[in-house]
PDB file of N, CA and C in Angstrom:
ATOM      1  N   UNK A   1     -65.205 -11.023  25.364  1.00  0.00           N
ATOM      2  CA  UNK A   1     -65.181 -12.120  24.399  1.00  0.00           C
ATOM      3  C   UNK A   1     -64.219 -13.195  24.887  1.00  0.00           C
ATOM      4  N   UNK A   2     -64.674 -14.424  24.878  1.00  0.00           N
ATOM      5  CA  UNK A   2     -63.880 -15.540  25.375  1.00  0.00           C
ATOM      6  C   UNK A   2     -63.123 -16.193  24.214  1.00  0.00           C
ATOM      7  N   UNK A   3     -61.804 -16.083  24.219  1.00  0.00           N
ATOM      8  CA  UNK A   3     -60.977 -16.614  23.138  1.00  0.00           C
ATOM      9  C   UNK A   3     -60.459 -18.027  23.395  1.00  0.00           C
ATOM     10  N   UNK A   4     -60.690 -18.560  24.577  1.00  0.00           N
ATOM     11  CA  UNK A   4     -60.170 -19.885  24.920  1.00  0.00           C
ATOM     12  C   UNK A   4     -60.694 -20.963  23.965  1.00  0.00           C
ATOM     13  N   UNK A   5     -62.002 -21.018  23.672  1.00  0.00           N
ATOM     14  CA  UNK A   5     -62.460 -22.055  22.727  1.00  0.00           C
ATOM     15  C   UNK A   5     -61.882 -21.887  21.319  1.00  0.00           C
ATOM     16  N   UNK A   6     -61.645 -20.657  20.909  1.00  0.00           N
ATOM     17  CA  UNK A   6     -61.053 -20.415  19.590  1.00  0.00           C
ATOM     18  C   UNK A   6     -59.634 -20.971  19.540  1.00  0.00           C
ATOM     19  N   UNK A   7     -58.838 -20.694  20.578  1.00  0.00           N
ATOM     20  CA  UNK A   7     -57.468 -21.210  20.624  1.00  0.00           C
ATOM     21  C   UNK A   7     -57.447 -22.728  20.742  1.00  0.00           C
ATOM     22  N   UNK A   8     -58.337 -23.289  21.551  1.00  0.00           N
ATOM     23  CA  UNK A   8     -58.385 -24.745  21.698  1.00  0.00           C
ATOM     24  C   UNK A   8     -58.749 -25.436  20.390  1.00  0.00           C
ATOM     25  N   UNK A   9     -59.693 -24.854  19.667  1.00  0.00           N
ATOM     26  CA  UNK A   9     -60.084 -25.422  18.380  1.00  0.00           C
ATOM     27  C   UNK A   9     -58.951 -25.323  17.368  1.00  0.00           C
ATOM     28  N   UNK A  10     -58.273 -24.175  17.337  1.00  0.00           N
ATOM     29  CA  UNK A  10     -57.169 -24.020  16.381  1.00  0.00           C
ATOM     30  C   UNK A  10     -56.002 -24.942  16.727  1.00  0.00           C
ATOM     31  N   UNK A  11     -55.776 -25.194  18.002  1.00  0.00           N
ATOM     32  CA  UNK A  11     -54.723 -26.145  18.408  1.00  0.00           C
ATOM     33  C   UNK A  11     -55.066 -27.545  17.929  1.00  0.00           C
ATOM     34  N   UNK A  12     -56.300 -27.957  18.134  1.00  0.00           N
ATOM     35  CA  UNK A  12     -56.714 -29.299  17.735  1.00  0.00           C
ATOM     36  C   UNK A  12     -56.641 -29.482  16.222  1.00  0.00           C
ATOM     37  N   UNK A  13     -57.187 -28.540  15.485  1.00  0.00           N
ATOM     38  CA  UNK A  13     -57.201 -28.653  14.025  1.00  0.00           C
ATOM     39  C   UNK A  13     -55.788 -28.600  13.459  1.00  0.00           C
ATOM     40  N   UNK A  14     -54.977 -27.658  13.944  1.00  0.00           N
ATOM     41  CA  UNK A  14     -53.620 -27.540  13.407  1.00  0.00           C
ATOM     42  C   UNK A  14     -52.762 -28.748  13.778  1.00  0.00           C
ATOM     43  N   UNK A  15     -52.970 -29.332  14.959  1.00  0.00           N
ATOM     44  CA  UNK A  15     -52.201 -30.515  15.352  1.00  0.00           C
ATOM     45  C   UNK A  15     -52.509 -31.695  14.441  1.00  0.00           C
ATOM     46  N   UNK A  16     -53.785 -31.908  14.157  1.00  0.00           N
ATOM     47  CA  UNK A  16     -54.178 -33.010  13.277  1.00  0.00           C
ATOM     48  C   UNK A  16     -53.624 -32.785  11.870  1.00  0.00           C
ATOM     49  N   UNK A  17     -53.717 -31.546  11.375  1.00  0.00           N
ATOM     50  CA  UNK A  17     -53.216 -31.255  10.032  1.00  0.00           C
ATOM     51  C   UNK A  17     -51.699 -31.378   9.944  1.00  0.00           C
ATOM     52  N   UNK A  18     -50.990 -30.996  10.989  1.00  0.00           N
ATOM     53  CA  UNK A  18     -49.531 -31.127  10.979  1.00  0.00           C
ATOM     54  C   UNK A  18     -49.135 -32.597  10.915  1.00  0.00           C
ATOM     55  N   UNK A  19     -49.797 -33.427  11.685  1.00  0.00           N
ATOM     56  CA  UNK A  19     -49.495 -34.862  11.658  1.00  0.00           C
ATOM     57  C   UNK A  19     -49.756 -35.436  10.275  1.00  0.00           C
ATOM     58  N   UNK A  20     -50.900 -35.097   9.687  1.00  0.00           N
ATOM     59  CA  UNK A  20     -51.218 -35.603   8.355  1.00  0.00           C
ATOM     60  C   UNK A  20     -50.240 -35.096   7.303  1.00  0.00           C
ATOM     61  N   UNK A  21     -49.877 -33.832   7.376  1.00  0.00           N
ATOM     62  CA  UNK A  21     -48.946 -33.276   6.394  1.00  0.00           C
ATOM     63  C   UNK A  21     -47.555 -33.889   6.519  1.00  0.00           C
ATOM     64  N   UNK A  22     -47.134 -34.162   7.738  1.00  0.00           N
ATOM     65  CA  UNK A  22     -45.828 -34.793   7.925  1.00  0.00           C
ATOM     66  C   UNK A  22     -45.846 -36.224   7.381  1.00  0.00           C
ATOM     67  N   UNK A  23     -46.944 -36.929   7.601  1.00  0.00           N
ATOM     68  CA  UNK A  23     -47.034 -38.295   7.097  1.00  0.00           C
ATOM     69  C   UNK A  23     -47.120 -38.353   5.573  1.00  0.00           C
ATOM     70  N   UNK A  24     -47.618 -37.305   4.947  1.00  0.00           N
ATOM     71  CA  UNK A  24     -47.718 -37.267   3.489  1.00  0.00           C
ATOM     72  C   UNK A  24     -46.379 -37.011   2.810  1.00  0.00           C
ATOM     73  N   UNK A  25     -45.449 -36.432   3.541  1.00  0.00           N
ATOM     74  CA  UNK A  25     -44.159 -36.112   2.938  1.00  0.00           C
ATOM     75  C   UNK A  25     -43.320 -37.374   2.810  1.00  0.00           C
ATOM     76  N   UNK A  26     -42.624 -37.501   1.687  1.00  0.00           N
ATOM     77  CA  UNK A  26     -41.782 -38.667   1.461  1.00  0.00           C
ATOM     78  C   UNK A  26     -40.330 -38.270   1.637  1.00  0.00           C
ATOM     79  N   UNK A  27     -39.657 -39.032   2.437  1.00  0.00           N
ATOM     80  CA  UNK A  27     -38.238 -38.764   2.668  1.00  0.00           C
ATOM     81  C   UNK A  27     -37.556 -40.084   2.976  1.00  0.00           C
ATOM     82  N   UNK A  28     -36.584 -40.505   2.226  1.00  0.00           N
ATOM     83  CA  UNK A  28     -35.841 -41.736   2.500  1.00  0.00           C
ATOM     84  C   UNK A  28     -36.705 -42.970   2.393  1.00  0.00           C
ATOM     85  N   UNK A  29     -36.990 -43.486   1.295  1.00  0.00           N
ATOM     86  CA  UNK A  29     -38.040 -44.441   0.967  1.00  0.00           C
ATOM     87  C   UNK A  29     -38.119 -45.703   1.814  1.00  0.00           C
ATOM     88  N   UNK A  30     -37.118 -46.073   2.596  1.00  0.00           N
ATOM     89  CA  UNK A  30     -37.200 -47.361   3.286  1.00  0.00           C
ATOM     90  C   UNK A  30     -36.711 -47.257   4.726  1.00  0.00           C
ATOM     91  N   UNK A  31     -36.817 -48.366   5.433  1.00  0.00           N
ATOM     92  CA  UNK A  31     -36.362 -48.424   6.820  1.00  0.00           C
ATOM     93  C   UNK A  31     -34.851 -48.280   6.897  1.00  0.00           C
ATOM     94  N   UNK A  32     -34.151 -48.782   5.910  1.00  0.00           N
ATOM     95  CA  UNK A  32     -32.694 -48.655   5.879  1.00  0.00           C
ATOM     96  C   UNK A  32     -32.254 -47.200   5.831  1.00  0.00           C
ATOM     97  N   UNK A  33     -33.031 -46.365   5.185  1.00  0.00           N
ATOM     98  CA  UNK A  33     -32.707 -44.941   5.127  1.00  0.00           C
ATOM     99  C   UNK A  33     -32.837 -44.311   6.514  1.00  0.00           C
ATOM    100  N   UNK A  34     -33.806 -44.781   7.294  1.00  0.00           N
ATOM    101  CA  UNK A  34     -33.986 -44.258   8.641  1.00  0.00           C
ATOM    102  C   UNK A  34     -32.886 -44.683   9.588  1.00  0.00           C
ATOM    103  N   UNK A  35     -32.229 -45.790   9.291  1.00  0.00           N
ATOM    104  CA  UNK A  35     -31.166 -46.286  10.157  1.00  0.00           C
ATOM    105  C   UNK A  35     -29.781 -45.850   9.695  1.00  0.00           C
ATOM    106  N   UNK A  36     -29.732 -44.992   8.704  1.00  0.00           N
ATOM    107  CA  UNK A  36     -28.451 -44.449   8.264  1.00  0.00           C
ATOM    108  C   UNK A  36     -27.791 -45.239   7.158  1.00  0.00           C
ATOM    109  N   UNK A  37     -28.460 -46.216   6.591  1.00  0.00           N
ATOM    110  CA  UNK A  37     -27.859 -47.026   5.548  1.00  0.00           C
ATOM    111  C   UNK A  37     -28.172 -46.540   4.149  1.00  0.00           C
ATOM    112  N   UNK A  38     -28.482 -45.278   4.005  1.00  0.00           N
ATOM    113  CA  UNK A  38     -28.883 -44.780   2.695  1.00  0.00           C
ATOM    114  C   UNK A  38     -27.818 -43.854   2.130  1.00  0.00           C
ATOM    115  N   UNK A  39     -27.633 -43.918   0.831  1.00  0.00           N
ATOM    116  CA  UNK A  39     -26.697 -43.024   0.173  1.00  0.00           C
ATOM    117  C   UNK A  39     -27.433 -42.041  -0.716  1.00  0.00           C
ATOM    118  N   UNK A  40     -28.502 -41.469  -0.210  1.00  0.00           N
ATOM    119  CA  UNK A  40     -29.309 -40.597  -1.050  1.00  0.00           C
ATOM    120  C   UNK A  40     -28.647 -39.234  -1.237  1.00  0.00           C
ATOM    121  N   UNK A  41     -28.959 -38.614  -2.334  1.00  0.00           N
ATOM    122  CA  UNK A  41     -28.415 -37.308  -2.666  1.00  0.00           C
ATOM    123  C   UNK A  41     -29.352 -36.224  -2.178  1.00  0.00           C
ATOM    124  N   UNK A  42     -28.800 -35.037  -1.935  1.00  0.00           N
ATOM    125  CA  UNK A  42     -29.628 -33.901  -1.557  1.00  0.00           C
ATOM    126  C   UNK A  42     -30.295 -33.345  -2.805  1.00  0.00           C
ATOM    127  N   UNK A  43     -31.598 -33.241  -2.769  1.00  0.00           N
ATOM    128  CA  UNK A  43     -32.329 -32.679  -3.895  1.00  0.00           C
ATOM    129  C   UNK A  43     -33.189 -31.524  -3.405  1.00  0.00           C
ATOM    130  N   UNK A  44     -33.477 -30.599  -4.291  1.00  0.00           N
ATOM    131  CA  UNK A  44     -34.346 -29.490  -3.916  1.00  0.00           C
ATOM    132  C   UNK A  44     -35.798 -29.923  -4.027  1.00  0.00           C
ATOM    133  N   UNK A  45     -36.624 -29.288  -3.246  1.00  0.00           N
ATOM    134  CA  UNK A  45     -38.052 -29.600  -3.267  1.00  0.00           C
ATOM    135  C   UNK A  45     -38.701 -28.882  -4.440  1.00  0.00           C
ATOM    136  N   UNK A  46     -39.577 -29.600  -5.123  1.00  0.00           N
ATOM    137  CA  UNK A  46     -40.282 -29.026  -6.266  1.00  0.00           C
ATOM    138  C   UNK A  46     -41.729 -29.457  -6.244  1.00  0.00           C
ATOM    139  N   UNK A  47     -42.563 -28.647  -6.824  1.00  0.00           N
ATOM    140  CA  UNK A  47     -43.961 -28.998  -7.029  1.00  0.00           C
ATOM    141  C   UNK A  47     -44.723 -29.265  -5.757  1.00  0.00           C
ATOM    142  N   UNK A  48     -45.407 -30.410  -5.721  1.00  0.00           N
ATOM    143  CA  UNK A  48     -46.258 -30.768  -4.596  1.00  0.00           C
ATOM    144  C   UNK A  48     -45.446 -30.947  -3.313  1.00  0.00           C
ATOM    145  N   UNK A  49     -44.252 -31.472  -3.425  1.00  0.00           N
ATOM    146  CA  UNK A  49     -43.399 -31.664  -2.254  1.00  0.00           C
ATOM    147  C   UNK A  49     -43.083 -30.330  -1.584  1.00  0.00           C
ATOM    148  N   UNK A  50     -42.803 -29.312  -2.378  1.00  0.00           N
ATOM    149  CA  UNK A  50     -42.513 -27.985  -1.830  1.00  0.00           C
ATOM    150  C   UNK A  50     -43.765 -27.375  -1.204  1.00  0.00           C
ATOM    151  N   UNK A  51     -44.913 -27.567  -1.850  1.00  0.00           N
ATOM    152  CA  UNK A  51     -46.167 -27.040  -1.307  1.00  0.00           C
ATOM    153  C   UNK A  51     -46.513 -27.703   0.027  1.00  0.00           C
ATOM    154  N   UNK A  52     -46.336 -29.029   0.116  1.00  0.00           N
ATOM    155  CA  UNK A  52     -46.587 -29.733   1.385  1.00  0.00           C
ATOM    156  C   UNK A  52     -45.646 -29.244   2.483  1.00  0.00           C
ATOM    157  N   UNK A  53     -44.394 -29.033   2.130  1.00  0.00           N
ATOM    158  CA  UNK A  53     -43.409 -28.567   3.099  1.00  0.00           C
ATOM    159  C   UNK A  53     -43.776 -27.179   3.628  1.00  0.00           C
ATOM    160  N   UNK A  54     -44.119 -26.266   2.713  1.00  0.00           N
ATOM    161  CA  UNK A  54     -44.483 -24.908   3.132  1.00  0.00           C
ATOM    162  C   UNK A  54     -45.788 -24.879   3.927  1.00  0.00           C
ATOM    163  N   UNK A  55     -46.758 -25.701   3.529  1.00  0.00           N
ATOM    164  CA  UNK A  55     -48.015 -25.775   4.265  1.00  0.00           C
ATOM    165  C   UNK A  55     -47.791 -26.339   5.663  1.00  0.00           C
ATOM    166  N   UNK A  56     -46.896 -27.305   5.786  1.00  0.00           N
ATOM    167  CA  UNK A  56     -46.572 -27.855   7.100  1.00  0.00           C
ATOM    168  C   UNK A  56     -45.977 -26.787   8.007  1.00  0.00           C
ATOM    169  N   UNK A  57     -45.096 -25.976   7.463  1.00  0.00           N
ATOM    170  CA  UNK A  57     -44.490 -24.898   8.252  1.00  0.00           C
ATOM    171  C   UNK A  57     -45.553 -23.906   8.720  1.00  0.00           C
ATOM    172  N   UNK A  58     -46.485 -23.564   7.834  1.00  0.00           N
ATOM    173  CA  UNK A  58     -47.550 -22.622   8.198  1.00  0.00           C
ATOM    174  C   UNK A  58     -48.396 -23.176   9.344  1.00  0.00           C
ATOM    175  N   UNK A  59     -48.779 -24.446   9.256  1.00  0.00           N
ATOM    176  CA  UNK A  59     -49.611 -25.016  10.306  1.00  0.00           C
ATOM    177  C   UNK A  59     -48.849 -25.233  11.609  1.00  0.00           C
ATOM    178  N   UNK A  60     -47.553 -25.466  11.550  1.00  0.00           N
ATOM    179  CA  UNK A  60     -46.758 -25.557  12.780  1.00  0.00           C
ATOM    180  C   UNK A  60     -46.698 -24.190  13.460  1.00  0.00           C
ATOM    181  N   UNK A  61     -46.539 -23.135  12.676  1.00  0.00           N
ATOM    182  CA  UNK A  61     -46.520 -21.780  13.241  1.00  0.00           C
ATOM    183  C   UNK A  61     -47.878 -21.454  13.873  1.00  0.00           C
ATOM    184  N   UNK A  62     -48.968 -21.811  13.187  1.00  0.00           N
ATOM    185  CA  UNK A  62     -50.307 -21.594  13.754  1.00  0.00           C
ATOM    186  C   UNK A  62     -50.468 -22.366  15.051  1.00  0.00           C
ATOM    187  N   UNK A  63     -49.981 -23.603  15.083  1.00  0.00           N
ATOM    188  CA  UNK A  63     -50.060 -24.438  16.281  1.00  0.00           C
ATOM    189  C   UNK A  63     -49.312 -23.802  17.454  1.00  0.00           C
ATOM    190  N   UNK A  64     -48.085 -23.369  17.208  1.00  0.00           N
ATOM    191  CA  UNK A  64     -47.267 -22.773  18.274  1.00  0.00           C
ATOM    192  C   UNK A  64     -47.874 -21.457  18.758  1.00  0.00           C
ATOM    193  N   UNK A  65     -48.317 -20.615  17.832  1.00  0.00           N
ATOM    194  CA  UNK A  65     -48.924 -19.336  18.224  1.00  0.00           C
ATOM    195  C   UNK A  65     -50.213 -19.539  18.992  1.00  0.00           C
ATOM    196  N   UNK A  66     -50.984 -20.563  18.635  1.00  0.00           N
ATOM    197  CA  UNK A  66     -52.218 -20.855  19.373  1.00  0.00           C
ATOM    198  C   UNK A  66     -51.933 -21.302  20.801  1.00  0.00           C
ATOM    199  N   UNK A  67     -50.898 -22.114  20.955  1.00  0.00           N
ATOM    200  CA  UNK A  67     -50.521 -22.541  22.303  1.00  0.00           C
ATOM    201  C   UNK A  67     -50.040 -21.356  23.130  1.00  0.00           C
ATOM    202  N   UNK A  68     -49.200 -20.517  22.539  1.00  0.00           N
ATOM    203  CA  UNK A  68     -48.736 -19.321  23.260  1.00  0.00           C
ATOM    204  C   UNK A  68     -49.889 -18.388  23.591  1.00  0.00           C
ATOM    205  N   UNK A  69     -50.815 -18.219  22.662  1.00  0.00           N
ATOM    206  CA  UNK A  69     -51.973 -17.380  22.936  1.00  0.00           C
ATOM    207  C   UNK A  69     -52.819 -17.931  24.062  1.00  0.00           C
ATOM    208  N   UNK A  70     -52.983 -19.242  24.100  1.00  0.00           N
ATOM    209  CA  UNK A  70     -53.753 -19.865  25.177  1.00  0.00           C
ATOM    210  C   UNK A  70     -53.060 -19.714  26.526  1.00  0.00           C
ATOM    211  N   UNK A  71     -51.736 -19.775  26.514  1.00  0.00           N
ATOM    212  CA  UNK A  71     -50.990 -19.625  27.771  1.00  0.00           C
ATOM    213  C   UNK A  71     -51.011 -18.191  28.286  1.00  0.00           C
ATOM    214  N   UNK A  72     -51.069 -17.232  27.376  1.00  0.00           N
ATOM    215  CA  UNK A  72     -50.994 -15.826  27.774  1.00  0.00           C
ATOM    216  C   UNK A  72     -52.339 -15.203  28.143  1.00  0.00           C
ATOM    217  N   UNK A  73     -53.438 -15.886  27.819  1.00  0.00           N
ATOM    218  CA  UNK A  73     -54.762 -15.369  28.172  1.00  0.00           C
ATOM    219  C   UNK A  73     -55.030 -15.655  29.651  1.00  0.00           C
ATOM    220  N   UNK A  74     -55.355 -14.621  30.391  1.00  0.00           N
ATOM    221  CA  UNK A  74     -55.687 -14.874  31.807  1.00  0.00           C
ATOM    222  C   UNK A  74     -57.014 -15.638  31.927  1.00  0.00           C
ATOM    223  N   UNK A  75     -57.015 -16.631  32.778  1.00  0.00           N
ATOM    224  CA  UNK A  75     -58.214 -17.475  32.914  1.00  0.00           C
ATOM    225  C   UNK A  75     -59.279 -16.813  33.751  1.00  0.00           C
TER     226      UNK A  75
END
């Protein structure tokens, strides 16, 4: 059984989903926050924000494991 196409497909899908999930997350509402000019407080994640964060972690793990699996399969 050839697993290379399965790993390649999972890498592609998980990479696209990770990018989309990261872009959906809101952190530091403006450009000034990115440059260090923000005085925002630390808040805990709740609701949809927590779900997006956890889903992002799951897809990053899938992405990394797929890459490792592809590297470890003898060609």
